[in-house]
Amino acid sequence: MTYLAIALSFALGLVIGVRLNSAAFDGQDWTLMRWDNTMLGYRPIKLGSTLTKTDRIIMSLEVNTSAFPKDGVKYTNEE
């Protein structure tokens, strides 16, 4: 009986975690961007565009900087 309760708890936690994770990911305003050789940078992809295997594509997410301090935030790999 104990093993059944543990297995059910694990399964329920897994299902809830997957749902919350996908909701957080899908709730963001993601933008697909493609590399543009004419300007040497990524540009947003318009709806209806055709994507090929040779395209360099990234997903981007705009960061709200209104809460940043006046002097800015230093970007490092330290935790």
Protein backbone atom coordinates (compact mmCIF):
# COMPACT_ATOMS: atom_id res chain seq x y z
CA MET A 1 0.00 0.00 0.00
CA THR A 2 2.86 2.37 0.82
CA TYR A 3 4.48 1.76 -2.59
CA LEU A 4 1.19 2.56 -4.32
CA ALA A 5 0.87 5.85 -2.40
CA ILE A 6 4.47 6.78 -3.28
CA ALA A 7 3.96 5.92 -6.95
CA LEU A 8 0.71 7.90 -7.13
CA SER A 9 2.29 10.89 -5.38
CA PHE A 10 5.23 10.80 -7.78
CA ALA A 11 2.96 10.54 -10.84
CA LEU A 12 0.74 13.37 -9.62
CA GLY A 13 3.74 15.59 -8.90
CA LEU A 14 5.19 14.83 -12.32
CA VAL A 15 1.93 15.70 -14.10
CA ILE A 16 1.53 18.95 -12.12
CA GLY A 17 5.16 19.91 -12.77
CA VAL A 18 4.88 19.30 -16.50
CA ARG A 19 1.68 21.36 -16.70
CA LEU A 20 3.13 24.27 -14.73
CA ASN A 21 6.36 24.22 -16.72
CA SER A 22 4.61 24.24 -20.09
CA ALA A 23 2.21 26.98 -18.93
CA ALA A 24 5.14 29.18 -17.88
CA PHE A 25 6.96 28.55 -21.17
CA ASP A 26 3.92 29.03 -23.41
CA GLY A 27 2.81 32.13 -21.52
CA GLN A 28 5.87 34.10 -22.64
CA ASP A 29 5.96 36.41 -25.67
CA TRP A 30 8.49 34.43 -27.72
CA THR A 31 9.74 35.76 -31.06
CA LEU A 32 11.40 33.65 -33.75
CA MET A 33 14.32 35.38 -35.42
CA ARG A 34 16.33 34.45 -38.53
CA TRP A 35 19.90 35.44 -39.41
CA ASP A 36 20.04 38.12 -42.11
CA ASN A 37 23.35 38.32 -44.00
CA THR A 38 22.53 41.74 -45.44
CA MET A 39 22.62 43.39 -42.02
CA LEU A 40 24.69 40.76 -40.18
CA GLY A 41 22.13 40.25 -37.46
CA TYR A 42 18.93 38.44 -36.49
CA ARG A 43 15.58 39.83 -37.63
CA PRO A 44 12.05 38.79 -36.59
CA ILE A 45 10.42 36.24 -38.90
CA LYS A 46 7.12 37.35 -40.39
CA LEU A 47 4.13 35.03 -40.15
CA GLY A 48 3.74 33.02 -43.35
CA SER A 49 7.48 32.93 -44.07
CA THR A 50 9.04 29.68 -45.25
CA LEU A 51 11.78 28.28 -43.02
CA THR A 52 14.45 25.99 -44.44
CA LYS A 53 17.01 23.64 -42.91
CA THR A 54 19.81 26.06 -43.77
CA ASP A 55 18.26 29.01 -41.88
CA ARG A 56 19.91 30.10 -38.62
CA ILE A 57 16.96 30.59 -36.27
CA ILE A 58 16.80 31.59 -32.62
CA MET A 59 13.95 32.18 -30.18
CA SER A 60 14.08 35.46 -28.31
CA LEU A 61 12.29 36.86 -25.33
CA GLU A 62 12.21 40.56 -24.52
CA VAL A 63 13.30 41.36 -20.98
CA ASN A 64 11.44 44.08 -19.10
CA THR A 65 14.20 46.40 -17.90
CA SER A 66 11.99 48.83 -15.98
CA ALA A 67 12.92 47.19 -12.65
CA PHE A 68 16.69 47.44 -13.28
CA PRO A 69 18.64 49.82 -11.04
CA LYS A 70 19.69 53.18 -12.47
CA ASP A 71 23.32 52.05 -12.89
CA GLY A 72 22.25 48.87 -14.68
CA VAL A 73 22.87 45.20 -13.97
CA LYS A 74 26.19 43.49 -14.58
CA TYR A 75 25.83 40.34 -16.70
CA THR A 76 28.12 37.57 -15.40
CA ASN A 77 28.13 33.80 -15.13
CA GLU A 78 28.48 33.93 -11.35
CA GLU A 79 25.57 32.73 -9.25
